[in-house]
Amino acid sequence: MAFPEPKPRAPELPRKRLKTLDCGQGAVRAVRFNVDGNYCLTCGSDKTLKLWNPLRGTLLRTYSGHGYEVLDAAGSFDNSSLCSGGGDKAVVLWDVASGQVIRKFRGHAGKVSTVQFNEEATVILSGSIDSSIRCWDCRSRKPEPVQKLDEARDGVSSLKVSDHEILAGSVDGRVRRYDLRVGQLFSDYVGSPITCICFSRDGQCTLVSSLDSTLRLLDKDTGELLGEYTGHKNQEYKLDCCLSERDTHVVSCSEDGKVFFWDLVEGSQALALPVGPGVVQSLAFHPTEPCLLTAMGGSIHCWREESYEAEGGTG
C-alpha cells in the first residue's frame, strides 16, 4: 500500500529578523546571495566589495580595486570568481579565494549599474547608464567586449541571464529579451522607467518593477500582463524586486522603509515587513529557503521564517 504524499507545507515568509550586520563600507548599494545561498556579497559606496556568511554574521573577505562606489556584483556558479560593476565605469573580475583582481574591463561610457555571469562563468554581461550591454570574455586578453548590445534608448538598469537568453530592463521603459538560440530580440513596453527585472524560478515569467510604484508579472513568451502588484513606494530610486524561493510570492523593496510581499496568483498584499526608517535600497532572496537579505543605509539584515531556529541559538 502506497502512503499518500505529504502535503507540501504552506510557504512561510521571512518575517523574523535574525541578524543585523553593520557592513562598514559606507552605504550598501546592493546585497546579493551567491549561487547556493550560503554566502552573500555587499557592494559599498566606499569602493569595496565584501563577502559574508550572513547567518553567522562573519566577514570572510574584502575586495578592493574599484575607483568609485560598487553598484552591483555576482558570483560564479562554482564560487571561484566574482564580478562587479561600479561608478568608475569598470567591470571587474575577481578571484574569490585570494581577493585579487583577475581582469578589469573598461569600455562603458558611464557607470555600470548591473552585472551578471553567463551560466558557465566564461562571460560577464554588464549594463550601464550609457544605454549599452557589453559582453566580456573572462578568458580573453583582449580589452574590447566580444559583443555590444545597444538597442536601449536610455540607461540599462537591470540584467538577468539564463542558459539561452539575456533579459534587460531599461530606463526607456522597455523590457528586452535576447533569445540567443534563435538570434531574436523581443521587446515589451511598460511605459515607466524600469528599475529591476527578473525571471520567475520556473523560467516562464518575467517580473518587472518600475518608477510608477508598480510591479508587473509578464508572460515571458507572449508579453501578456499576468499580474500587477502595488502598495509600495518606488518613484525615484533603483530598487530590487524578486520572487520567493518557490515562486509563491512577489517581493519588492520600498522607499518607505518596508519590504512588501504579495501573493503571486491573487495579487493581494501578504506582508509589509518594516525594516527601518529609510529607503530599503536592495534585497536578495535565498535560492531554496525562506531567507531574505535587505540593505538599508550601511547595514544589511537577515530575515527568516518565524519557525526557524538558528543552530546554537540566535546571535
C-alpha atoms as a PDB file:
ATOM      1  CA  MET A   1       0.000   0.000   0.000  1.00  0.00           C
ATOM      2  CA  ALA A   2       1.379   3.376  -1.020  1.00  0.00           C
ATOM      3  CA  PHE A   3       1.206   6.113   1.553  1.00  0.00           C
ATOM      4  CA  PRO A   4      -0.242   9.392   0.300  1.00  0.00           C
ATOM      5  CA  GLU A   5       2.336  12.065  -0.405  1.00  0.00           C
ATOM      6  CA  PRO A   6       2.600  14.515   2.483  1.00  0.00           C
ATOM      7  CA  LYS A   7       1.006  17.833   1.671  1.00  0.00           C
ATOM      8  CA  PRO A   8       3.615  20.442   0.800  1.00  0.00           C
ATOM      9  CA  ARG A   9       3.945  22.943   3.614  1.00  0.00           C
ATOM     10  CA  ALA A  10       2.400  26.336   3.060  1.00  0.00           C
ATOM     11  CA  PRO A  11       5.152  28.803   2.222  1.00  0.00           C
ATOM     12  CA  GLU A  12       6.419  30.716   5.222  1.00  0.00           C
ATOM     13  CA  LEU A  13       7.522  34.303   4.788  1.00  0.00           C
ATOM     14  CA  PRO A  14      10.787  35.529   6.312  1.00  0.00           C
ATOM     15  CA  ARG A  15       9.405  37.948   8.901  1.00  0.00           C
ATOM     16  CA  LYS A  16      11.803  37.327  11.808  1.00  0.00           C
ATOM     17  CA  ARG A  17      14.939  39.491  11.931  1.00  0.00           C
ATOM     18  CA  LEU A  18      17.799  37.122  12.668  1.00  0.00           C
ATOM     19  CA  LYS A  19      20.883  39.265  12.236  1.00  0.00           C
ATOM     20  CA  THR A  20      21.897  42.857  11.567  1.00  0.00           C
ATOM     21  CA  LEU A  21      25.342  43.388  10.102  1.00  0.00           C
ATOM     22  CA  ASP A  22      26.998  46.783  10.068  1.00  0.00           C
ATOM     23  CA  CYS A  23      28.996  46.398   6.872  1.00  0.00           C
ATOM     24  CA  GLY A  24      31.443  49.256   7.470  1.00  0.00           C
ATOM     25  CA  GLN A  25      31.627  50.228   3.794  1.00  0.00           C
ATOM     26  CA  GLY A  26      29.551  53.391   3.591  1.00  0.00           C
ATOM     27  CA  ALA A  27      26.101  52.975   2.081  1.00  0.00           C
ATOM     28  CA  VAL A  28      25.347  49.416   0.910  1.00  0.00           C
ATOM     29  CA  ARG A  29      24.317  49.818  -2.726  1.00  0.00           C
ATOM     30  CA  ALA A  30      23.430  46.154  -3.323  1.00  0.00           C
ATOM     31  CA  VAL A  31      23.280  42.838  -1.482  1.00  0.00           C
ATOM     32  CA  ARG A  32      23.474  39.539  -3.431  1.00  0.00           C
ATOM     33  CA  PHE A  33      23.402  35.872  -2.451  1.00  0.00           C
ATOM     34  CA  ASN A  34      25.900  33.518  -4.034  1.00  0.00           C
ATOM     35  CA  VAL A  35      24.630  30.583  -6.113  1.00  0.00           C
ATOM     36  CA  ASP A  36      23.828  28.227  -3.212  1.00  0.00           C
ATOM     37  CA  GLY A  37      22.777  30.891  -0.706  1.00  0.00           C
ATOM     38  CA  ASN A  38      25.499  30.159   1.863  1.00  0.00           C
ATOM     39  CA  TYR A  39      27.265  33.481   1.362  1.00  0.00           C
ATOM     40  CA  CYS A  40      26.407  36.995   0.310  1.00  0.00           C
ATOM     41  CA  LEU A  41      28.106  39.970  -1.292  1.00  0.00           C
ATOM     42  CA  THR A  42      27.664  43.603  -0.308  1.00  0.00           C
ATOM     43  CA  CYS A  43      28.547  46.493  -2.611  1.00  0.00           C
ATOM     44  CA  GLY A  44      29.742  49.609  -0.824  1.00  0.00           C
ATOM     45  CA  SER A  45      29.819  53.316  -1.569  1.00  0.00           C
ATOM     46  CA  ASP A  46      33.392  53.235  -0.174  1.00  0.00           C
ATOM     47  CA  LYS A  47      34.594  51.359  -3.346  1.00  0.00           C
ATOM     48  CA  THR A  48      34.769  47.936  -1.642  1.00  0.00           C
ATOM     49  CA  LEU A  49      33.009  44.634  -2.174  1.00  0.00           C
ATOM     50  CA  LYS A  50      32.631  42.326   0.839  1.00  0.00           C
ATOM     51  CA  LEU A  51      31.886  38.608   1.180  1.00  0.00           C
ATOM     52  CA  TRP A  52      29.936  37.442   4.243  1.00  0.00           C
ATOM     53  CA  ASN A  53      28.372  34.453   5.875  1.00  0.00           C
ATOM     54  CA  PRO A  54      25.096  36.243   6.652  1.00  0.00           C
ATOM     55  CA  LEU A  55      23.606  33.696   9.072  1.00  0.00           C
ATOM     56  CA  ARG A  56      26.752  33.702  11.197  1.00  0.00           C
ATOM     57  CA  GLY A  57      27.385  37.377  10.635  1.00  0.00           C
ATOM     58  CA  THR A  58      31.028  36.842   9.732  1.00  0.00           C
ATOM     59  CA  LEU A  59      33.071  38.831   7.213  1.00  0.00           C
ATOM     60  CA  LEU A  60      35.118  36.473   5.021  1.00  0.00           C
ATOM     61  CA  ARG A  61      36.940  38.840   2.655  1.00  0.00           C
ATOM     62  CA  THR A  62      37.099  42.410   1.383  1.00  0.00           C
ATOM     63  CA  TYR A  63      37.756  43.117  -2.304  1.00  0.00           C
ATOM     64  CA  SER A  64      39.367  46.477  -3.136  1.00  0.00           C
ATOM     65  CA  GLY A  65      40.085  47.639  -6.674  1.00  0.00           C
ATOM     66  CA  HIS A  66      37.221  49.818  -7.861  1.00  0.00           C
ATOM     67  CA  GLY A  67      37.867  53.534  -8.233  1.00  0.00           C
ATOM     68  CA  TYR A  68      34.388  54.614  -7.173  1.00  0.00           C
ATOM     69  CA  GLU A  69      31.333  53.113  -5.462  1.00  0.00           C
ATOM     70  CA  VAL A  70      30.418  49.500  -6.299  1.00  0.00           C
ATOM     71  CA  LEU A  71      26.875  49.232  -7.642  1.00  0.00           C
ATOM     72  CA  ASP A  72      26.340  45.529  -8.386  1.00  0.00           C
ATOM     73  CA  ALA A  73      28.085  42.169  -8.072  1.00  0.00           C
ATOM     74  CA  ALA A  74      27.516  38.497  -8.856  1.00  0.00           C
ATOM     75  CA  GLY A  75      29.166  35.183  -8.024  1.00  0.00           C
ATOM     76  CA  SER A  76      30.061  32.404 -10.469  1.00  0.00           C
ATOM     77  CA  PHE A  77      28.297  29.007 -10.434  1.00  0.00           C
ATOM     78  CA  ASP A  78      31.366  27.319  -8.845  1.00  0.00           C
ATOM     79  CA  ASN A  79      32.004  30.091  -6.272  1.00  0.00           C
ATOM     80  CA  SER A  80      35.540  30.630  -7.604  1.00  0.00           C
ATOM     81  CA  SER A  81      35.041  34.099  -9.120  1.00  0.00           C
ATOM     82  CA  LEU A  82      33.093  37.298  -8.624  1.00  0.00           C
ATOM     83  CA  CYS A  83      32.244  40.090 -10.999  1.00  0.00           C
ATOM     84  CA  SER A  84      31.311  43.634 -10.096  1.00  0.00           C
ATOM     85  CA  GLY A  85      30.497  46.951 -11.711  1.00  0.00           C
ATOM     86  CA  GLY A  86      30.574  50.464 -10.411  1.00  0.00           C
ATOM     87  CA  GLY A  87      30.617  54.200 -10.705  1.00  0.00           C
ATOM     88  CA  ASP A  88      34.145  54.090 -12.164  1.00  0.00           C
ATOM     89  CA  LYS A  89      32.634  52.645 -15.423  1.00  0.00           C
ATOM     90  CA  ALA A  90      34.710  49.477 -14.899  1.00  0.00           C
ATOM     91  CA  VAL A  91      33.720  45.801 -14.790  1.00  0.00           C
ATOM     92  CA  VAL A  92      35.993  43.774 -12.507  1.00  0.00           C
ATOM     93  CA  LEU A  93      36.585  40.004 -12.416  1.00  0.00           C
ATOM     94  CA  TRP A  94      37.856  38.812  -9.016  1.00  0.00           C
ATOM     95  CA  ASP A  95      39.389  35.643  -7.639  1.00  0.00           C
ATOM     96  CA  VAL A  96      37.282  34.765  -4.582  1.00  0.00           C
ATOM     97  CA  ALA A  97      39.967  32.961  -2.597  1.00  0.00           C
ATOM     98  CA  SER A  98      42.854  35.416  -2.995  1.00  0.00           C
ATOM     99  CA  GLY A  99      40.819  38.611  -3.234  1.00  0.00           C
ATOM    100  CA  GLN A 100      42.875  39.654  -6.248  1.00  0.00           C
ATOM    101  CA  VAL A 101      41.644  41.385  -9.401  1.00  0.00           C
ATOM    102  CA  ILE A 102      41.947  38.947 -12.329  1.00  0.00           C
ATOM    103  CA  ARG A 103      40.794  41.356 -15.040  1.00  0.00           C
ATOM    104  CA  LYS A 104      39.435  44.881 -15.244  1.00  0.00           C
ATOM    105  CA  PHE A 105      37.281  45.572 -18.304  1.00  0.00           C
ATOM    106  CA  ARG A 106      36.883  49.157 -19.488  1.00  0.00           C
ATOM    107  CA  GLY A 107      34.748  50.468 -22.318  1.00  0.00           C
ATOM    108  CA  HIS A 108      31.494  51.727 -20.827  1.00  0.00           C
ATOM    109  CA  ALA A 109      30.993  55.483 -21.117  1.00  0.00           C
ATOM    110  CA  GLY A 110      29.000  55.736 -17.872  1.00  0.00           C
ATOM    111  CA  LYS A 111      28.574  53.981 -14.537  1.00  0.00           C
ATOM    112  CA  VAL A 112      27.912  50.231 -14.644  1.00  0.00           C
ATOM    113  CA  SER A 113      24.659  49.581 -12.805  1.00  0.00           C
ATOM    114  CA  THR A 114      24.235  45.826 -13.329  1.00  0.00           C
ATOM    115  CA  VAL A 115      26.468  42.772 -13.883  1.00  0.00           C
ATOM    116  CA  GLN A 116      25.838  39.053 -14.416  1.00  0.00           C
ATOM    117  CA  PHE A 117      27.849  35.956 -15.327  1.00  0.00           C
ATOM    118  CA  ASN A 118      26.601  33.584 -18.003  1.00  0.00           C
ATOM    119  CA  GLU A 119      25.884  30.050 -16.744  1.00  0.00           C
ATOM    120  CA  GLU A 120      29.420  28.763 -17.327  1.00  0.00           C
ATOM    121  CA  ALA A 121      31.012  31.958 -15.910  1.00  0.00           C
ATOM    122  CA  THR A 122      33.029  32.375 -19.116  1.00  0.00           C
ATOM    123  CA  VAL A 123      31.359  35.694 -19.999  1.00  0.00           C
ATOM    124  CA  ILE A 124      30.422  38.709 -17.889  1.00  0.00           C
ATOM    125  CA  LEU A 125      27.482  40.822 -19.079  1.00  0.00           C
ATOM    126  CA  SER A 126      27.316  44.415 -17.923  1.00  0.00           C
ATOM    127  CA  GLY A 127      24.623  47.088 -18.292  1.00  0.00           C
ATOM    128  CA  SER A 128      25.338  50.789 -17.992  1.00  0.00           C
ATOM    129  CA  ILE A 129      23.689  54.191 -17.945  1.00  0.00           C
ATOM    130  CA  ASP A 130      25.438  54.632 -21.324  1.00  0.00           C
ATOM    131  CA  SER A 131      22.472  52.598 -22.752  1.00  0.00           C
ATOM    132  CA  SER A 132      24.591  49.585 -23.711  1.00  0.00           C
ATOM    133  CA  ILE A 133      25.037  45.981 -22.643  1.00  0.00           C
ATOM    134  CA  ARG A 134      28.562  44.628 -23.139  1.00  0.00           C
ATOM    135  CA  CYS A 135      29.699  41.005 -23.048  1.00  0.00           C
ATOM    136  CA  TRP A 136      33.254  40.414 -21.809  1.00  0.00           C
ATOM    137  CA  ASP A 137      35.169  37.159 -22.339  1.00  0.00           C
ATOM    138  CA  CYS A 138      36.726  36.207 -18.984  1.00  0.00           C
ATOM    139  CA  ARG A 139      39.410  34.094 -20.678  1.00  0.00           C
ATOM    140  CA  SER A 140      40.453  36.541 -23.395  1.00  0.00           C
ATOM    141  CA  ARG A 141      43.309  39.021 -23.060  1.00  0.00           C
ATOM    142  CA  LYS A 142      41.641  41.402 -25.500  1.00  0.00           C
ATOM    143  CA  PRO A 143      40.454  44.673 -23.963  1.00  0.00           C
ATOM    144  CA  GLU A 144      37.287  45.067 -26.059  1.00  0.00           C
ATOM    145  CA  PRO A 145      33.986  43.285 -25.434  1.00  0.00           C
ATOM    146  CA  VAL A 146      33.087  40.241 -27.546  1.00  0.00           C
ATOM    147  CA  GLN A 147      29.637  41.732 -28.129  1.00  0.00           C
ATOM    148  CA  LYS A 148      27.819  45.021 -27.596  1.00  0.00           C
ATOM    149  CA  LEU A 149      24.025  45.302 -27.469  1.00  0.00           C
ATOM    150  CA  ASP A 150      22.862  48.889 -27.884  1.00  0.00           C
ATOM    151  CA  GLU A 151      19.138  48.666 -28.619  1.00  0.00           C
ATOM    152  CA  ALA A 152      18.210  50.502 -25.387  1.00  0.00           C
ATOM    153  CA  ARG A 153      17.371  54.196 -25.817  1.00  0.00           C
ATOM    154  CA  ASP A 154      18.323  55.044 -22.233  1.00  0.00           C
ATOM    155  CA  GLY A 155      20.314  53.533 -19.379  1.00  0.00           C
ATOM    156  CA  VAL A 156      20.264  49.767 -18.763  1.00  0.00           C
ATOM    157  CA  SER A 157      19.248  49.338 -15.130  1.00  0.00           C
ATOM    158  CA  SER A 158      18.913  45.572 -14.698  1.00  0.00           C
ATOM    159  CA  LEU A 159      20.166  42.382 -16.368  1.00  0.00           C
ATOM    160  CA  LYS A 160      19.452  38.679 -15.870  1.00  0.00           C
ATOM    161  CA  VAL A 161      20.837  35.735 -17.824  1.00  0.00           C
ATOM    162  CA  SER A 162      19.533  32.206 -18.422  1.00  0.00           C
ATOM    163  CA  ASP A 163      21.199  29.408 -20.374  1.00  0.00           C
ATOM    164  CA  HIS A 164      19.998  30.832 -23.707  1.00  0.00           C
ATOM    165  CA  GLU A 165      18.679  34.352 -23.131  1.00  0.00           C
ATOM    166  CA  ILE A 166      19.506  37.789 -21.799  1.00  0.00           C
ATOM    167  CA  LEU A 167      16.795  39.804 -20.049  1.00  0.00           C
ATOM    168  CA  ALA A 168      17.366  43.554 -19.809  1.00  0.00           C
ATOM    169  CA  GLY A 169      15.375  46.380 -18.248  1.00  0.00           C
ATOM    170  CA  SER A 170      15.955  49.989 -19.262  1.00  0.00           C
ATOM    171  CA  VAL A 171      15.094  53.495 -18.132  1.00  0.00           C
ATOM    172  CA  ASP A 172      13.430  53.828 -21.577  1.00  0.00           C
ATOM    173  CA  GLY A 173      10.544  51.735 -20.148  1.00  0.00           C
ATOM    174  CA  ARG A 174      11.208  48.592 -22.189  1.00  0.00           C
ATOM    175  CA  VAL A 175      11.980  45.018 -21.198  1.00  0.00           C
ATOM    176  CA  ARG A 176      14.158  43.396 -23.860  1.00  0.00           C
ATOM    177  CA  ARG A 177      14.759  39.668 -24.126  1.00  0.00           C
ATOM    178  CA  TYR A 178      17.517  38.447 -26.397  1.00  0.00           C
ATOM    179  CA  ASP A 179      16.966  34.794 -27.350  1.00  0.00           C
ATOM    180  CA  LEU A 180      20.445  33.578 -28.212  1.00  0.00           C
ATOM    181  CA  ARG A 181      19.252  30.247 -29.675  1.00  0.00           C
ATOM    182  CA  VAL A 182      17.268  31.853 -32.469  1.00  0.00           C
ATOM    183  CA  GLY A 183      19.067  35.204 -32.573  1.00  0.00           C
ATOM    184  CA  GLN A 184      15.908  37.217 -31.912  1.00  0.00           C
ATOM    185  CA  LEU A 185      15.067  40.240 -29.804  1.00  0.00           C
ATOM    186  CA  PHE A 186      11.674  40.511 -28.070  1.00  0.00           C
ATOM    187  CA  SER A 187      10.602  43.805 -26.520  1.00  0.00           C
ATOM    188  CA  ASP A 188       7.739  44.743 -24.181  1.00  0.00           C
ATOM    189  CA  TYR A 189       6.858  48.335 -23.327  1.00  0.00           C
ATOM    190  CA  VAL A 190       5.974  49.016 -19.684  1.00  0.00           C
ATOM    191  CA  GLY A 191       5.788  52.799 -20.003  1.00  0.00           C
ATOM    192  CA  SER A 192       7.702  53.804 -16.895  1.00  0.00           C
ATOM    193  CA  PRO A 193      11.469  53.685 -16.224  1.00  0.00           C
ATOM    194  CA  ILE A 194      12.384  50.122 -15.215  1.00  0.00           C
ATOM    195  CA  THR A 195      14.391  49.641 -12.022  1.00  0.00           C
ATOM    196  CA  CYS A 196      14.655  45.841 -11.806  1.00  0.00           C
ATOM    197  CA  ILE A 197      13.733  42.741 -13.813  1.00  0.00           C
ATOM    198  CA  CYS A 198      13.986  39.036 -13.078  1.00  0.00           C
ATOM    199  CA  PHE A 199      12.882  35.635 -14.309  1.00  0.00           C
ATOM    200  CA  SER A 200      10.478  33.550 -12.280  1.00  0.00           C
ATOM    201  CA  ARG A 201      12.245  30.454 -10.948  1.00  0.00           C
ATOM    202  CA  ASP A 202      10.325  28.254 -13.397  1.00  0.00           C
ATOM    203  CA  GLY A 203      11.531  30.443 -16.279  1.00  0.00           C
ATOM    204  CA  GLN A 204       8.007  31.089 -17.625  1.00  0.00           C
ATOM    205  CA  CYS A 205       7.502  34.674 -16.458  1.00  0.00           C
ATOM    206  CA  THR A 206       9.342  37.937 -16.005  1.00  0.00           C
ATOM    207  CA  LEU A 207       8.841  40.295 -13.075  1.00  0.00           C
ATOM    208  CA  VAL A 208       9.362  43.994 -13.788  1.00  0.00           C
ATOM    209  CA  SER A 209       9.489  46.895 -11.320  1.00  0.00           C
ATOM    210  CA  SER A 210       9.268  50.492 -12.465  1.00  0.00           C
ATOM    211  CA  LEU A 211       9.150  54.054 -11.140  1.00  0.00           C
ATOM    212  CA  ASP A 212       5.329  54.199 -11.177  1.00  0.00           C
ATOM    213  CA  SER A 213       5.361  52.211  -7.892  1.00  0.00           C
ATOM    214  CA  THR A 214       4.091  49.123  -9.729  1.00  0.00           C
ATOM    215  CA  LEU A 215       5.422  45.630 -10.299  1.00  0.00           C
ATOM    216  CA  ARG A 216       4.191  43.679 -13.309  1.00  0.00           C
ATOM    217  CA  LEU A 217       4.324  39.970 -13.992  1.00  0.00           C
ATOM    218  CA  LEU A 218       4.578  39.250 -17.712  1.00  0.00           C
ATOM    219  CA  ASP A 219       4.334  36.014 -19.654  1.00  0.00           C
ATOM    220  CA  LYS A 220       7.892  35.677 -20.928  1.00  0.00           C
ATOM    221  CA  ASP A 221       6.960  34.420 -24.392  1.00  0.00           C
ATOM    222  CA  THR A 222       3.866  36.492 -25.202  1.00  0.00           C
ATOM    223  CA  GLY A 223       4.426  39.602 -23.077  1.00  0.00           C
ATOM    224  CA  GLU A 224       0.879  39.216 -21.705  1.00  0.00           C
ATOM    225  CA  LEU A 225       0.316  41.019 -18.395  1.00  0.00           C
ATOM    226  CA  LEU A 226      -0.415  38.297 -15.816  1.00  0.00           C
ATOM    227  CA  GLY A 227      -0.482  40.411 -12.659  1.00  0.00           C
ATOM    228  CA  GLU A 228       0.089  43.846 -11.155  1.00  0.00           C
ATOM    229  CA  TYR A 229       1.287  44.489  -7.611  1.00  0.00           C
ATOM    230  CA  THR A 230       1.011  47.859  -5.857  1.00  0.00           C
ATOM    231  CA  GLY A 231       1.107  49.392  -2.379  1.00  0.00           C
ATOM    232  CA  HIS A 232       4.837  50.014  -2.077  1.00  0.00           C
ATOM    233  CA  LYS A 233       6.600  53.258  -2.976  1.00  0.00           C
ATOM    234  CA  ASN A 234       9.141  53.402  -5.818  1.00  0.00           C
ATOM    235  CA  GLN A 235       9.312  56.758  -7.582  1.00  0.00           C
ATOM    236  CA  GLU A 236      12.945  57.841  -7.598  1.00  0.00           C
ATOM    237  CA  TYR A 237      15.387  55.060  -6.628  1.00  0.00           C
ATOM    238  CA  LYS A 238      16.583  51.926  -8.398  1.00  0.00           C
ATOM    239  CA  LEU A 239      15.110  49.280  -6.084  1.00  0.00           C
ATOM    240  CA  ASP A 240      15.238  45.468  -6.279  1.00  0.00           C
ATOM    241  CA  CYS A 241      12.368  43.058  -6.738  1.00  0.00           C
ATOM    242  CA  CYS A 242      12.321  39.265  -6.887  1.00  0.00           C
ATOM    243  CA  LEU A 243      10.197  36.168  -6.413  1.00  0.00           C
ATOM    244  CA  SER A 244      10.290  33.991  -3.301  1.00  0.00           C
ATOM    245  CA  GLU A 245      12.111  30.672  -3.376  1.00  0.00           C
ATOM    246  CA  ARG A 246       9.037  28.735  -4.572  1.00  0.00           C
ATOM    247  CA  ASP A 247       7.541  31.398  -6.892  1.00  0.00           C
ATOM    248  CA  THR A 248       4.635  31.833  -4.468  1.00  0.00           C
ATOM    249  CA  HIS A 249       5.208  35.496  -3.623  1.00  0.00           C
ATOM    250  CA  VAL A 250       6.376  38.673  -5.322  1.00  0.00           C
ATOM    251  CA  VAL A 251       8.819  40.665  -3.191  1.00  0.00           C
ATOM    252  CA  SER A 252       9.912  44.301  -3.517  1.00  0.00           C
ATOM    253  CA  CYS A 253      11.923  46.974  -1.744  1.00  0.00           C
ATOM    254  CA  SER A 254      10.158  50.220  -0.962  1.00  0.00           C
ATOM    255  CA  GLU A 255      11.160  53.822  -0.357  1.00  0.00           C
ATOM    256  CA  ASP A 256       9.099  53.935   2.857  1.00  0.00           C
ATOM    257  CA  GLY A 257      11.327  51.573   4.858  1.00  0.00           C
ATOM    258  CA  LYS A 258       9.454  48.318   4.210  1.00  0.00           C
ATOM    259  CA  VAL A 259       9.712  45.181   2.095  1.00  0.00           C
ATOM    260  CA  PHE A 260       6.401  44.201   0.511  1.00  0.00           C
ATOM    261  CA  PHE A 261       5.221  40.655  -0.228  1.00  0.00           C
ATOM    262  CA  TRP A 262       2.268  39.862  -2.483  1.00  0.00           C
ATOM    263  CA  ASP A 263       0.583  36.570  -3.282  1.00  0.00           C
ATOM    264  CA  LEU A 264       1.734  35.884  -6.854  1.00  0.00           C
ATOM    265  CA  VAL A 265      -1.563  34.458  -8.115  1.00  0.00           C
ATOM    266  CA  GLU A 266      -4.098  36.558  -6.209  1.00  0.00           C
ATOM    267  CA  GLY A 267      -2.117  39.810  -6.340  1.00  0.00           C
ATOM    268  CA  SER A 268      -3.084  40.591  -2.749  1.00  0.00           C
ATOM    269  CA  GLN A 269      -0.591  42.043  -0.283  1.00  0.00           C
ATOM    270  CA  ALA A 270       0.588  39.335   2.124  1.00  0.00           C
ATOM    271  CA  LEU A 271       3.058  41.264   4.270  1.00  0.00           C
ATOM    272  CA  ALA A 272       4.590  44.716   4.647  1.00  0.00           C
ATOM    273  CA  LEU A 273       7.779  43.982   6.581  1.00  0.00           C
ATOM    274  CA  PRO A 274       9.088  47.020   8.492  1.00  0.00           C
ATOM    275  CA  VAL A 275      12.872  47.219   8.008  1.00  0.00           C
ATOM    276  CA  GLY A 276      13.764  50.707   9.245  1.00  0.00           C
ATOM    277  CA  PRO A 277      13.430  54.479   8.820  1.00  0.00           C
ATOM    278  CA  GLY A 278      14.847  54.891   5.317  1.00  0.00           C
ATOM    279  CA  VAL A 279      14.839  53.509   1.802  1.00  0.00           C
ATOM    280  CA  VAL A 280      15.248  49.742   1.526  1.00  0.00           C
ATOM    281  CA  GLN A 281      17.940  50.000  -1.134  1.00  0.00           C
ATOM    282  CA  SER A 282      18.420  46.361  -2.088  1.00  0.00           C
ATOM    283  CA  LEU A 283      17.243  42.839  -1.320  1.00  0.00           C
ATOM    284  CA  ALA A 284      18.165  39.253  -2.102  1.00  0.00           C
ATOM    285  CA  PHE A 285      16.098  36.089  -1.649  1.00  0.00           C
ATOM    286  CA  HIS A 286      17.717  32.756  -0.842  1.00  0.00           C
ATOM    287  CA  PRO A 287      17.572  30.275  -3.770  1.00  0.00           C
ATOM    288  CA  THR A 288      15.940  27.434  -1.797  1.00  0.00           C
ATOM    289  CA  GLU A 289      14.862  28.664   1.645  1.00  0.00           C
ATOM    290  CA  PRO A 290      12.594  31.380   3.079  1.00  0.00           C
ATOM    291  CA  CYS A 291      15.523  33.653   3.866  1.00  0.00           C
ATOM    292  CA  LEU A 292      15.722  37.319   2.875  1.00  0.00           C
ATOM    293  CA  LEU A 293      18.540  39.848   2.966  1.00  0.00           C
ATOM    294  CA  THR A 294      17.778  43.572   2.973  1.00  0.00           C
ATOM    295  CA  ALA A 295      20.105  46.573   2.710  1.00  0.00           C
ATOM    296  CA  MET A 296      19.399  49.930   4.304  1.00  0.00           C
ATOM    297  CA  GLY A 297      21.981  52.635   4.894  1.00  0.00           C
ATOM    298  CA  GLY A 298      25.238  50.978   5.929  1.00  0.00           C
ATOM    299  CA  SER A 299      23.698  47.743   7.212  1.00  0.00           C
ATOM    300  CA  ILE A 300      22.179  44.524   5.978  1.00  0.00           C
ATOM    301  CA  HIS A 301      19.523  42.498   7.784  1.00  0.00           C
ATOM    302  CA  CYS A 302      18.979  38.764   7.550  1.00  0.00           C
ATOM    303  CA  TRP A 303      15.372  37.553   7.897  1.00  0.00           C
ATOM    304  CA  ARG A 304      13.993  34.045   8.361  1.00  0.00           C
ATOM    305  CA  GLU A 305      10.588  32.422   8.857  1.00  0.00           C
ATOM    306  CA  GLU A 306       9.040  32.504  12.362  1.00  0.00           C
ATOM    307  CA  SER A 307       9.623  28.783  12.953  1.00  0.00           C
ATOM    308  CA  TYR A 308      13.351  28.986  12.138  1.00  0.00           C
ATOM    309  CA  GLU A 309      15.746  28.063  14.916  1.00  0.00           C
ATOM    310  CA  ALA A 310      19.372  29.014  14.366  1.00  0.00           C
ATOM    311  CA  GLU A 311      21.964  26.383  15.235  1.00  0.00           C
ATOM    312  CA  GLY A 312      23.416  27.224  18.607  1.00  0.00           C
ATOM    313  CA  GLY A 313      20.739  29.843  19.254  1.00  0.00           C
ATOM    314  CA  THR A 314      20.273  33.247  17.626  1.00  0.00           C
ATOM    315  CA  GLY A 315      23.167  35.639  17.983  1.00  0.00           C
END
